[in-house]
Amino acid sequence: MQRDLVEQARRGDHEAFEVLAAAAADRLFAIARLILRDRDGAQDAVQEALVHAWRELPRLRDPDRFGAWLHRLVVNACADQGRHQRRWSSEIRVIPVEPTTDDGARSLADRDELERGFRRLKPEQRAVVVLHHYLGLPLPEVAETLGIPVGTAKSRLHYAMEALRAALEADARLLAVPNGQTA
């Protein structure tokens, strides 16, 4: 069914493309949101990817790869957003404070620490981490989605995990130093 819609959209059928875009929009937004860590930027990236998809759809060689192609377009749009911004804005969310057990408080602190480390990754590293660890794609599929060799995907994932580990360790060292004294 999707192949038929892709074929119709390739021939200029706006309604077919609208159905395809609507079916993919939430997943594309989730990917962009995880990479950019910014709601507005993610919406812009998805919009940019869908506009690019509409324009380039007649040149898509394999209609069965439409989903992977869209993923690649949104990752590229996220990279464009990152290049234009040159800095990542942080989104502040007010989290209601409720009595929690120590495990809940620790879980929240761990999540916050991981978020800070994730923000320090380069956009191309975030893309590989999101596609592999959040979406569960195997590395060959990550590579295909990003249009890079499998070895490059493995390398980016390796260096992303190293950078994340180093950021978490650096944060832990900062927290261990009392009242801003130098270590």
N, C-alpha and C. Protein backbone atom coordinates (compact mmCIF):
# COMPACT_ATOMS: atom_id res chain seq x y z
N MET A 1 0.82 -1.19 0.00
CA MET A 1 0.00 0.00 0.00
C MET A 1 0.86 1.26 0.00
N GLN A 2 1.93 1.27 0.87
CA GLN A 2 2.79 2.45 0.90
C GLN A 2 3.47 2.65 -0.44
N ARG A 3 3.88 1.56 -1.06
CA ARG A 3 4.54 1.67 -2.37
C ARG A 3 3.61 2.34 -3.38
N ASP A 4 2.33 1.97 -3.35
CA ASP A 4 1.36 2.59 -4.27
C ASP A 4 1.24 4.08 -4.00
N LEU A 5 1.19 4.46 -2.72
CA LEU A 5 1.10 5.88 -2.37
C LEU A 5 2.35 6.63 -2.81
N VAL A 6 3.50 6.01 -2.64
CA VAL A 6 4.75 6.65 -3.07
C VAL A 6 4.74 6.85 -4.57
N GLU A 7 4.31 5.84 -5.30
CA GLU A 7 4.24 5.95 -6.76
C GLU A 7 3.28 7.06 -7.18
N GLN A 8 2.13 7.14 -6.53
CA GLN A 8 1.16 8.19 -6.85
C GLN A 8 1.75 9.58 -6.54
N ALA A 9 2.41 9.68 -5.38
CA ALA A 9 3.01 10.96 -4.99
C ALA A 9 4.13 11.34 -5.95
N ARG A 10 4.88 10.36 -6.43
CA ARG A 10 5.96 10.64 -7.40
C ARG A 10 5.40 11.25 -8.67
N ARG A 11 4.16 10.90 -9.00
CA ARG A 11 3.51 11.44 -10.20
C ARG A 11 2.80 12.77 -9.91
N GLY A 12 2.98 13.32 -8.70
CA GLY A 12 2.43 14.63 -8.38
C GLY A 12 1.12 14.62 -7.61
N ASP A 13 0.70 13.48 -7.09
CA ASP A 13 -0.55 13.39 -6.34
C ASP A 13 -0.34 13.96 -4.94
N HIS A 14 -0.88 15.16 -4.70
CA HIS A 14 -0.71 15.84 -3.40
C HIS A 14 -1.35 15.06 -2.26
N GLU A 15 -2.51 14.49 -2.51
CA GLU A 15 -3.21 13.76 -1.46
C GLU A 15 -2.44 12.52 -1.03
N ALA A 16 -1.83 11.82 -1.96
CA ALA A 16 -1.03 10.64 -1.63
C ALA A 16 0.17 11.05 -0.77
N PHE A 17 0.81 12.16 -1.16
CA PHE A 17 1.95 12.64 -0.36
C PHE A 17 1.49 13.07 1.03
N GLU A 18 0.33 13.68 1.11
CA GLU A 18 -0.20 14.11 2.40
C GLU A 18 -0.41 12.91 3.32
N VAL A 19 -0.92 11.81 2.78
CA VAL A 19 -1.12 10.59 3.57
C VAL A 19 0.22 10.05 4.05
N LEU A 20 1.20 10.02 3.15
CA LEU A 20 2.54 9.54 3.52
C LEU A 20 3.17 10.42 4.59
N ALA A 21 3.07 11.73 4.41
CA ALA A 21 3.66 12.67 5.36
C ALA A 21 2.99 12.57 6.73
N ALA A 22 1.67 12.46 6.73
CA ALA A 22 0.94 12.35 8.00
C ALA A 22 1.32 11.07 8.74
N ALA A 23 1.51 9.98 8.01
CA ALA A 23 1.88 8.71 8.63
C ALA A 23 3.28 8.75 9.22
N ALA A 24 4.16 9.56 8.65
CA ALA A 24 5.55 9.60 9.09
C ALA A 24 5.86 10.75 10.04
N ALA A 25 4.99 11.72 10.14
CA ALA A 25 5.28 12.97 10.84
C ALA A 25 5.68 12.77 12.31
N ASP A 26 4.95 11.96 13.05
CA ASP A 26 5.27 11.77 14.47
C ASP A 26 6.64 11.13 14.66
N ARG A 27 6.93 10.15 13.86
CA ARG A 27 8.23 9.46 13.97
C ARG A 27 9.37 10.42 13.58
N LEU A 28 9.16 11.19 12.51
CA LEU A 28 10.17 12.16 12.08
C LEU A 28 10.40 13.22 13.16
N PHE A 29 9.30 13.68 13.77
CA PHE A 29 9.43 14.67 14.83
C PHE A 29 10.18 14.09 16.03
N ALA A 30 9.89 12.85 16.38
CA ALA A 30 10.59 12.22 17.50
C ALA A 30 12.09 12.14 17.23
N ILE A 31 12.45 11.77 16.02
CA ILE A 31 13.87 11.70 15.66
C ILE A 31 14.50 13.08 15.76
N ALA A 32 13.86 14.08 15.16
CA ALA A 32 14.40 15.44 15.17
C ALA A 32 14.49 15.99 16.59
N ARG A 33 13.50 15.70 17.40
CA ARG A 33 13.47 16.19 18.79
C ARG A 33 14.62 15.59 19.59
N LEU A 34 14.87 14.30 19.38
CA LEU A 34 15.97 13.65 20.09
C LEU A 34 17.33 14.19 19.65
N ILE A 35 17.46 14.50 18.38
CA ILE A 35 18.73 15.00 17.87
C ILE A 35 18.96 16.45 18.27
N LEU A 36 17.95 17.28 18.07
CA LEU A 36 18.11 18.72 18.29
C LEU A 36 17.88 19.15 19.73
N ARG A 37 17.11 18.37 20.47
CA ARG A 37 16.79 18.72 21.86
C ARG A 37 16.05 20.04 21.95
N ASP A 38 15.32 20.39 20.91
CA ASP A 38 14.60 21.66 20.85
C ASP A 38 13.33 21.44 20.04
N ARG A 39 12.19 21.71 20.65
CA ARG A 39 10.90 21.46 20.02
C ARG A 39 10.71 22.26 18.73
N ASP A 40 10.96 23.57 18.80
CA ASP A 40 10.77 24.42 17.62
C ASP A 40 11.73 24.04 16.50
N GLY A 41 12.98 23.79 16.85
CA GLY A 41 13.96 23.38 15.85
C GLY A 41 13.57 22.05 15.21
N ALA A 42 13.03 21.14 16.01
CA ALA A 42 12.59 19.84 15.49
C ALA A 42 11.43 20.02 14.51
N GLN A 43 10.50 20.89 14.85
CA GLN A 43 9.38 21.15 13.93
C GLN A 43 9.89 21.74 12.62
N ASP A 44 10.83 22.67 12.72
CA ASP A 44 11.41 23.26 11.50
C ASP A 44 12.12 22.22 10.66
N ALA A 45 12.87 21.34 11.32
CA ALA A 45 13.61 20.30 10.60
C ALA A 45 12.66 19.35 9.88
N VAL A 46 11.58 18.96 10.53
CA VAL A 46 10.61 18.06 9.91
C VAL A 46 9.96 18.76 8.71
N GLN A 47 9.60 20.02 8.89
CA GLN A 47 9.00 20.77 7.79
C GLN A 47 9.96 20.85 6.61
N GLU A 48 11.22 21.17 6.90
CA GLU A 48 12.23 21.26 5.85
C GLU A 48 12.41 19.92 5.14
N ALA A 49 12.42 18.84 5.91
CA ALA A 49 12.59 17.50 5.32
C ALA A 49 11.41 17.14 4.43
N LEU A 50 10.20 17.46 4.86
CA LEU A 50 9.02 17.13 4.05
C LEU A 50 8.94 17.96 2.78
N VAL A 51 9.32 19.22 2.86
CA VAL A 51 9.35 20.05 1.65
C VAL A 51 10.38 19.50 0.67
N HIS A 52 11.55 19.14 1.20
CA HIS A 52 12.60 18.56 0.35
C HIS A 52 12.11 17.23 -0.26
N ALA A 53 11.41 16.43 0.56
CA ALA A 53 10.90 15.15 0.06
C ALA A 53 9.93 15.36 -1.10
N TRP A 54 9.04 16.32 -0.96
CA TRP A 54 8.07 16.58 -2.03
C TRP A 54 8.78 16.99 -3.32
N ARG A 55 9.78 17.85 -3.19
CA ARG A 55 10.50 18.33 -4.38
C ARG A 55 11.33 17.23 -5.04
N GLU A 56 11.93 16.38 -4.23
CA GLU A 56 12.84 15.36 -4.75
C GLU A 56 12.21 14.00 -4.98
N LEU A 57 10.97 13.84 -4.58
CA LEU A 57 10.30 12.54 -4.69
C LEU A 57 10.33 11.94 -6.10
N PRO A 58 10.16 12.72 -7.16
CA PRO A 58 10.22 12.11 -8.49
C PRO A 58 11.58 11.46 -8.79
N ARG A 59 12.62 11.87 -8.09
CA ARG A 59 13.94 11.30 -8.32
C ARG A 59 14.29 10.13 -7.39
N LEU A 60 13.38 9.78 -6.48
CA LEU A 60 13.60 8.64 -5.59
C LEU A 60 13.66 7.37 -6.42
N ARG A 61 14.78 6.67 -6.37
CA ARG A 61 14.98 5.49 -7.22
C ARG A 61 14.18 4.29 -6.76
N ASP A 62 14.12 4.06 -5.44
CA ASP A 62 13.47 2.86 -4.93
C ASP A 62 12.32 3.25 -3.99
N PRO A 63 11.09 3.17 -4.46
CA PRO A 63 9.94 3.55 -3.63
C PRO A 63 9.84 2.75 -2.33
N ASP A 64 10.39 1.54 -2.31
CA ASP A 64 10.36 0.73 -1.09
C ASP A 64 11.26 1.30 0.01
N ARG A 65 12.17 2.17 -0.33
CA ARG A 65 13.09 2.78 0.63
C ARG A 65 12.62 4.17 1.06
N PHE A 66 11.36 4.49 0.81
CA PHE A 66 10.81 5.81 1.12
C PHE A 66 11.02 6.17 2.60
N GLY A 67 10.74 5.24 3.51
CA GLY A 67 10.88 5.51 4.94
C GLY A 67 12.31 5.83 5.33
N ALA A 68 13.25 5.03 4.87
CA ALA A 68 14.67 5.28 5.18
C ALA A 68 15.12 6.60 4.57
N TRP A 69 14.63 6.89 3.38
CA TRP A 69 14.97 8.16 2.71
C TRP A 69 14.46 9.34 3.53
N LEU A 70 13.22 9.24 4.04
CA LEU A 70 12.69 10.31 4.88
C LEU A 70 13.51 10.49 6.15
N HIS A 71 13.93 9.38 6.75
CA HIS A 71 14.78 9.48 7.95
C HIS A 71 16.07 10.23 7.63
N ARG A 72 16.66 9.90 6.50
CA ARG A 72 17.89 10.57 6.10
C ARG A 72 17.65 12.07 5.90
N LEU A 73 16.54 12.41 5.27
CA LEU A 73 16.22 13.82 5.03
C LEU A 73 16.05 14.57 6.34
N VAL A 74 15.39 13.97 7.32
CA VAL A 74 15.18 14.68 8.60
C VAL A 74 16.49 14.79 9.37
N VAL A 75 17.35 13.78 9.30
CA VAL A 75 18.66 13.87 9.97
C VAL A 75 19.49 14.97 9.32
N ASN A 76 19.46 15.04 7.99
CA ASN A 76 20.19 16.10 7.29
C ASN A 76 19.62 17.48 7.64
N ALA A 77 18.30 17.58 7.75
CA ALA A 77 17.69 18.85 8.13
C ALA A 77 18.09 19.24 9.55
N CYS A 78 18.23 18.27 10.42
CA CYS A 78 18.70 18.54 11.79
C CYS A 78 20.15 19.05 11.76
N ALA A 79 20.97 18.46 10.92
CA ALA A 79 22.35 18.92 10.79
C ALA A 79 22.38 20.36 10.28
N ASP A 80 21.52 20.67 9.32
CA ASP A 80 21.43 22.04 8.81
C ASP A 80 21.02 23.01 9.92
N GLN A 81 20.04 22.60 10.72
CA GLN A 81 19.61 23.43 11.85
C GLN A 81 20.78 23.70 12.79
N GLY A 82 21.55 22.65 13.08
CA GLY A 82 22.70 22.80 13.98
C GLY A 82 23.74 23.73 13.43
N ARG A 83 23.99 23.64 12.14
CA ARG A 83 24.98 24.52 11.52
C ARG A 83 24.53 25.97 11.56
N HIS A 84 23.24 26.19 11.37
CA HIS A 84 22.73 27.56 11.36
C HIS A 84 22.69 28.16 12.76
N GLN A 85 22.39 27.35 13.75
CA GLN A 85 22.29 27.86 15.10
C GLN A 85 23.65 28.06 15.77
N ARG A 86 24.56 27.14 15.50
CA ARG A 86 25.91 27.15 16.09
C ARG A 86 25.92 26.99 17.60
N ARG A 87 24.78 27.00 18.17
CA ARG A 87 24.70 26.65 19.58
C ARG A 87 23.33 26.03 19.81
N TRP A 88 23.28 25.17 20.75
CA TRP A 88 22.04 24.45 21.02
C TRP A 88 21.31 25.16 22.14
N SER A 89 20.06 25.51 21.86
CA SER A 89 19.27 26.16 22.90
C SER A 89 18.76 25.09 23.85
N SER A 90 18.63 25.47 25.08
CA SER A 90 18.08 24.51 26.03
C SER A 90 16.62 24.86 26.29
N GLU A 91 15.85 23.85 26.41
CA GLU A 91 14.43 24.04 26.68
C GLU A 91 14.23 23.79 28.16
N ILE A 92 13.65 24.75 28.84
CA ILE A 92 13.45 24.64 30.26
C ILE A 92 12.03 24.14 30.50
N ARG A 93 11.94 23.07 31.25
CA ARG A 93 10.64 22.53 31.60
C ARG A 93 10.50 22.58 33.11
N VAL A 94 9.36 23.01 33.57
CA VAL A 94 9.09 22.99 35.00
C VAL A 94 8.58 21.60 35.34
N ILE A 95 9.28 20.95 36.23
CA ILE A 95 8.89 19.61 36.64
C ILE A 95 8.26 19.73 38.02
N PRO A 96 7.01 19.31 38.14
CA PRO A 96 6.38 19.41 39.45
C PRO A 96 7.12 18.56 40.47
N VAL A 97 7.34 19.14 41.63
CA VAL A 97 8.05 18.44 42.69
C VAL A 97 7.04 17.69 43.52
N GLU A 98 7.20 16.40 43.55
CA GLU A 98 6.34 15.56 44.36
C GLU A 98 7.22 14.72 45.25
N PRO A 99 6.72 14.33 46.39
CA PRO A 99 7.52 13.47 47.25
C PRO A 99 7.89 12.19 46.49
N THR A 100 9.16 11.85 46.53
CA THR A 100 9.62 10.66 45.83
C THR A 100 10.49 9.84 46.76
N THR A 101 10.70 8.62 46.39
CA THR A 101 11.64 7.80 47.12
C THR A 101 13.02 8.13 46.61
N ASP A 102 14.03 7.68 47.28
CA ASP A 102 15.40 7.93 46.84
C ASP A 102 15.64 7.41 45.43
N ASP A 103 15.06 6.27 45.08
CA ASP A 103 15.24 5.70 43.75
C ASP A 103 14.68 6.63 42.68
N GLY A 104 13.51 7.25 42.92
CA GLY A 104 12.92 8.17 41.97
C GLY A 104 13.76 9.42 41.81
N ALA A 105 14.27 9.94 42.91
CA ALA A 105 15.12 11.13 42.86
C ALA A 105 16.41 10.81 42.12
N ARG A 106 16.97 9.67 42.36
CA ARG A 106 18.21 9.28 41.69
C ARG A 106 17.97 9.09 40.20
N SER A 107 16.82 8.51 39.87
CA SER A 107 16.49 8.30 38.46
C SER A 107 16.38 9.63 37.74
N LEU A 108 15.74 10.62 38.37
CA LEU A 108 15.60 11.94 37.78
C LEU A 108 16.97 12.60 37.62
N ALA A 109 17.82 12.46 38.62
CA ALA A 109 19.17 13.03 38.56
C ALA A 109 19.99 12.35 37.46
N ASP A 110 19.85 11.03 37.34
CA ASP A 110 20.56 10.30 36.28
C ASP A 110 20.11 10.76 34.91
N ARG A 111 18.80 10.93 34.73
CA ARG A 111 18.26 11.37 33.45
C ARG A 111 18.75 12.77 33.11
N ASP A 112 18.79 13.66 34.10
CA ASP A 112 19.27 15.02 33.89
C ASP A 112 20.75 15.02 33.51
N GLU A 113 21.52 14.19 34.19
CA GLU A 113 22.95 14.07 33.90
C GLU A 113 23.18 13.54 32.48
N LEU A 114 22.41 12.55 32.10
CA LEU A 114 22.52 11.98 30.75
C LEU A 114 22.12 13.01 29.70
N GLU A 115 21.09 13.79 29.98
CA GLU A 115 20.66 14.84 29.06
C GLU A 115 21.77 15.87 28.85
N ARG A 116 22.43 16.30 29.93
CA ARG A 116 23.53 17.27 29.80
C ARG A 116 24.67 16.68 28.97
N GLY A 117 24.98 15.43 29.18
CA GLY A 117 26.03 14.79 28.39
C GLY A 117 25.64 14.67 26.93
N PHE A 118 24.39 14.34 26.67
CA PHE A 118 23.91 14.17 25.30
C PHE A 118 23.97 15.48 24.53
N ARG A 119 23.71 16.58 25.22
CA ARG A 119 23.76 17.90 24.57
C ARG A 119 25.17 18.25 24.11
N ARG A 120 26.17 17.65 24.70
CA ARG A 120 27.56 17.95 24.34
C ARG A 120 28.02 17.20 23.08
N LEU A 121 27.24 16.24 22.63
CA LEU A 121 27.61 15.49 21.43
C LEU A 121 27.40 16.33 20.19
N LYS A 122 28.19 16.05 19.16
CA LYS A 122 28.02 16.70 17.86
C LYS A 122 26.72 16.18 17.24
N PRO A 123 26.09 16.98 16.37
CA PRO A 123 24.82 16.53 15.76
C PRO A 123 24.93 15.19 15.04
N GLU A 124 26.04 14.95 14.35
CA GLU A 124 26.16 13.67 13.63
C GLU A 124 26.30 12.50 14.60
N GLN A 125 26.89 12.76 15.78
CA GLN A 125 26.97 11.71 16.80
C GLN A 125 25.59 11.46 17.40
N ARG A 126 24.85 12.54 17.66
CA ARG A 126 23.50 12.38 18.19
C ARG A 126 22.64 11.57 17.24
N ALA A 127 22.78 11.86 15.95
CA ALA A 127 21.96 11.16 14.95
C ALA A 127 22.20 9.65 15.02
N VAL A 128 23.45 9.24 15.11
CA VAL A 128 23.76 7.81 15.17
C VAL A 128 23.23 7.21 16.47
N VAL A 129 23.41 7.90 17.58
CA VAL A 129 22.92 7.40 18.87
C VAL A 129 21.40 7.27 18.85
N VAL A 130 20.72 8.28 18.34
CA VAL A 130 19.25 8.25 18.29
C VAL A 130 18.76 7.10 17.42
N LEU A 131 19.32 6.99 16.21
CA LEU A 131 18.86 5.93 15.31
C LEU A 131 19.16 4.54 15.85
N HIS A 132 20.34 4.38 16.48
CA HIS A 132 20.74 3.05 16.95
C HIS A 132 20.11 2.70 18.31
N HIS A 133 20.26 3.58 19.29
CA HIS A 133 19.82 3.24 20.64
C HIS A 133 18.35 3.57 20.92
N TYR A 134 17.85 4.67 20.37
CA TYR A 134 16.46 5.03 20.63
C TYR A 134 15.50 4.33 19.68
N LEU A 135 15.85 4.28 18.39
CA LEU A 135 14.95 3.64 17.42
C LEU A 135 15.26 2.17 17.22
N GLY A 136 16.41 1.71 17.73
CA GLY A 136 16.75 0.30 17.66
C GLY A 136 17.18 -0.19 16.29
N LEU A 137 17.63 0.72 15.43
CA LEU A 137 18.08 0.29 14.11
C LEU A 137 19.46 -0.35 14.21
N PRO A 138 19.70 -1.45 13.50
CA PRO A 138 21.04 -2.02 13.47
C PRO A 138 21.99 -1.07 12.72
N LEU A 139 23.27 -1.16 13.03
CA LEU A 139 24.23 -0.22 12.43
C LEU A 139 24.22 -0.19 10.91
N PRO A 140 24.08 -1.32 10.20
CA PRO A 140 24.00 -1.23 8.74
C PRO A 140 22.81 -0.37 8.27
N GLU A 141 21.68 -0.47 8.98
CA GLU A 141 20.52 0.34 8.60
C GLU A 141 20.73 1.81 8.98
N VAL A 142 21.41 2.05 10.11
CA VAL A 142 21.76 3.42 10.49
C VAL A 142 22.62 4.04 9.40
N ALA A 143 23.62 3.28 8.96
CA ALA A 143 24.53 3.77 7.91
C ALA A 143 23.76 4.07 6.63
N GLU A 144 22.87 3.17 6.26
CA GLU A 144 22.09 3.38 5.04
C GLU A 144 21.18 4.61 5.17
N THR A 145 20.56 4.75 6.34
CA THR A 145 19.67 5.89 6.57
C THR A 145 20.43 7.21 6.47
N LEU A 146 21.64 7.23 7.01
CA LEU A 146 22.44 8.46 7.00
C LEU A 146 23.25 8.63 5.71
N GLY A 147 23.28 7.59 4.90
CA GLY A 147 24.05 7.68 3.65
C GLY A 147 25.54 7.68 3.88
N ILE A 148 25.98 6.91 4.89
CA ILE A 148 27.41 6.82 5.22
C ILE A 148 27.81 5.35 5.25
N PRO A 149 29.11 5.07 5.12
CA PRO A 149 29.56 3.68 5.23
C PRO A 149 29.30 3.12 6.64
N VAL A 150 29.15 1.80 6.73
CA VAL A 150 28.91 1.15 8.02
C VAL A 150 30.05 1.45 8.99
N GLY A 151 31.28 1.45 8.49
CA GLY A 151 32.43 1.74 9.34
C GLY A 151 32.36 3.14 9.95
N THR A 152 31.87 4.09 9.18
CA THR A 152 31.71 5.45 9.69
C THR A 152 30.65 5.50 10.77
N ALA A 153 29.55 4.77 10.56
CA ALA A 153 28.49 4.71 11.58
C ALA A 153 29.03 4.11 12.87
N LYS A 154 29.81 3.03 12.74
CA LYS A 154 30.40 2.40 13.93
C LYS A 154 31.34 3.36 14.64
N SER A 155 32.15 4.07 13.85
CA SER A 155 33.10 5.02 14.42
C SER A 155 32.38 6.15 15.14
N ARG A 156 31.35 6.70 14.50
CA ARG A 156 30.60 7.79 15.14
C ARG A 156 29.94 7.33 16.43
N LEU A 157 29.40 6.12 16.42
CA LEU A 157 28.77 5.60 17.62
C LEU A 157 29.82 5.41 18.72
N HIS A 158 30.96 4.86 18.35
CA HIS A 158 32.05 4.65 19.32
C HIS A 158 32.49 5.97 19.94
N TYR A 159 32.76 6.96 19.11
CA TYR A 159 33.22 8.25 19.63
C TYR A 159 32.12 9.00 20.39
N ALA A 160 30.89 8.80 19.99
CA ALA A 160 29.77 9.41 20.72
C ALA A 160 29.68 8.83 22.12
N MET A 161 29.81 7.52 22.22
CA MET A 161 29.74 6.88 23.54
C MET A 161 30.93 7.29 24.41
N GLU A 162 32.11 7.40 23.79
CA GLU A 162 33.28 7.88 24.54
C GLU A 162 33.06 9.31 25.03
N ALA A 163 32.55 10.17 24.18
CA ALA A 163 32.31 11.57 24.55
C ALA A 163 31.25 11.66 25.64
N LEU A 164 30.22 10.86 25.53
CA LEU A 164 29.17 10.84 26.54
C LEU A 164 29.73 10.38 27.88
N ARG A 165 30.52 9.32 27.85
CA ARG A 165 31.15 8.81 29.06
C ARG A 165 32.05 9.87 29.70
N ALA A 166 32.86 10.54 28.87
CA ALA A 166 33.76 11.58 29.38
C ALA A 166 32.97 12.75 29.98
N ALA A 167 31.88 13.13 29.34
CA ALA A 167 31.06 14.24 29.85
C ALA A 167 30.45 13.87 31.20
N LEU A 168 29.97 12.63 31.32
CA LEU A 168 29.38 12.19 32.59
C LEU A 168 30.43 12.13 33.70
N GLU A 169 31.63 11.66 33.35
CA GLU A 169 32.70 11.61 34.34
C GLU A 169 33.13 13.02 34.76
N ALA A 170 33.18 13.95 33.81
CA ALA A 170 33.55 15.33 34.13
C ALA A 170 32.51 15.97 35.05
N ASP A 171 31.24 15.72 34.76
CA ASP A 171 30.18 16.23 35.64
C ASP A 171 30.30 15.64 37.04
N ALA A 172 30.60 14.35 37.12
CA ALA A 172 30.73 13.70 38.42
C ALA A 172 31.89 14.31 39.21
N ARG A 173 33.00 14.62 38.52
CA ARG A 173 34.14 15.24 39.21
C ARG A 173 33.78 16.63 39.71
N LEU A 174 33.02 17.39 38.90
CA LEU A 174 32.62 18.73 39.32
C LEU A 174 31.72 18.67 40.56
N LEU A 175 30.83 17.71 40.58
CA LEU A 175 29.93 17.58 41.72
C LEU A 175 30.66 17.12 42.98
N ALA A 176 31.79 16.44 42.81
CA ALA A 176 32.55 15.94 43.95
C ALA A 176 33.38 17.04 44.61
N VAL A 177 33.62 18.15 43.91
CA VAL A 177 34.43 19.24 44.45
C VAL A 177 33.51 20.15 45.26
N PRO A 178 33.77 20.34 46.57
CA PRO A 178 32.89 21.15 47.41
C PRO A 178 33.00 22.65 47.10
N ASN A 179 31.85 23.31 47.00
CA ASN A 179 31.72 24.76 46.89
C ASN A 179 32.65 25.43 45.89
N GLY A 180 32.77 24.87 44.71
CA GLY A 180 33.51 25.52 43.65
C GLY A 180 35.01 25.58 43.82
N GLN A 181 35.55 24.86 44.82
CA GLN A 181 37.00 24.84 44.99
C GLN A 181 37.62 24.07 43.84
N THR A 182 38.82 24.42 43.46
CA THR A 182 39.48 23.71 42.37
C THR A 182 40.04 22.41 42.88
N ALA A 183 40.04 21.42 42.01
CA ALA A 183 40.52 20.09 42.40
C ALA A 183 42.02 20.02 42.29
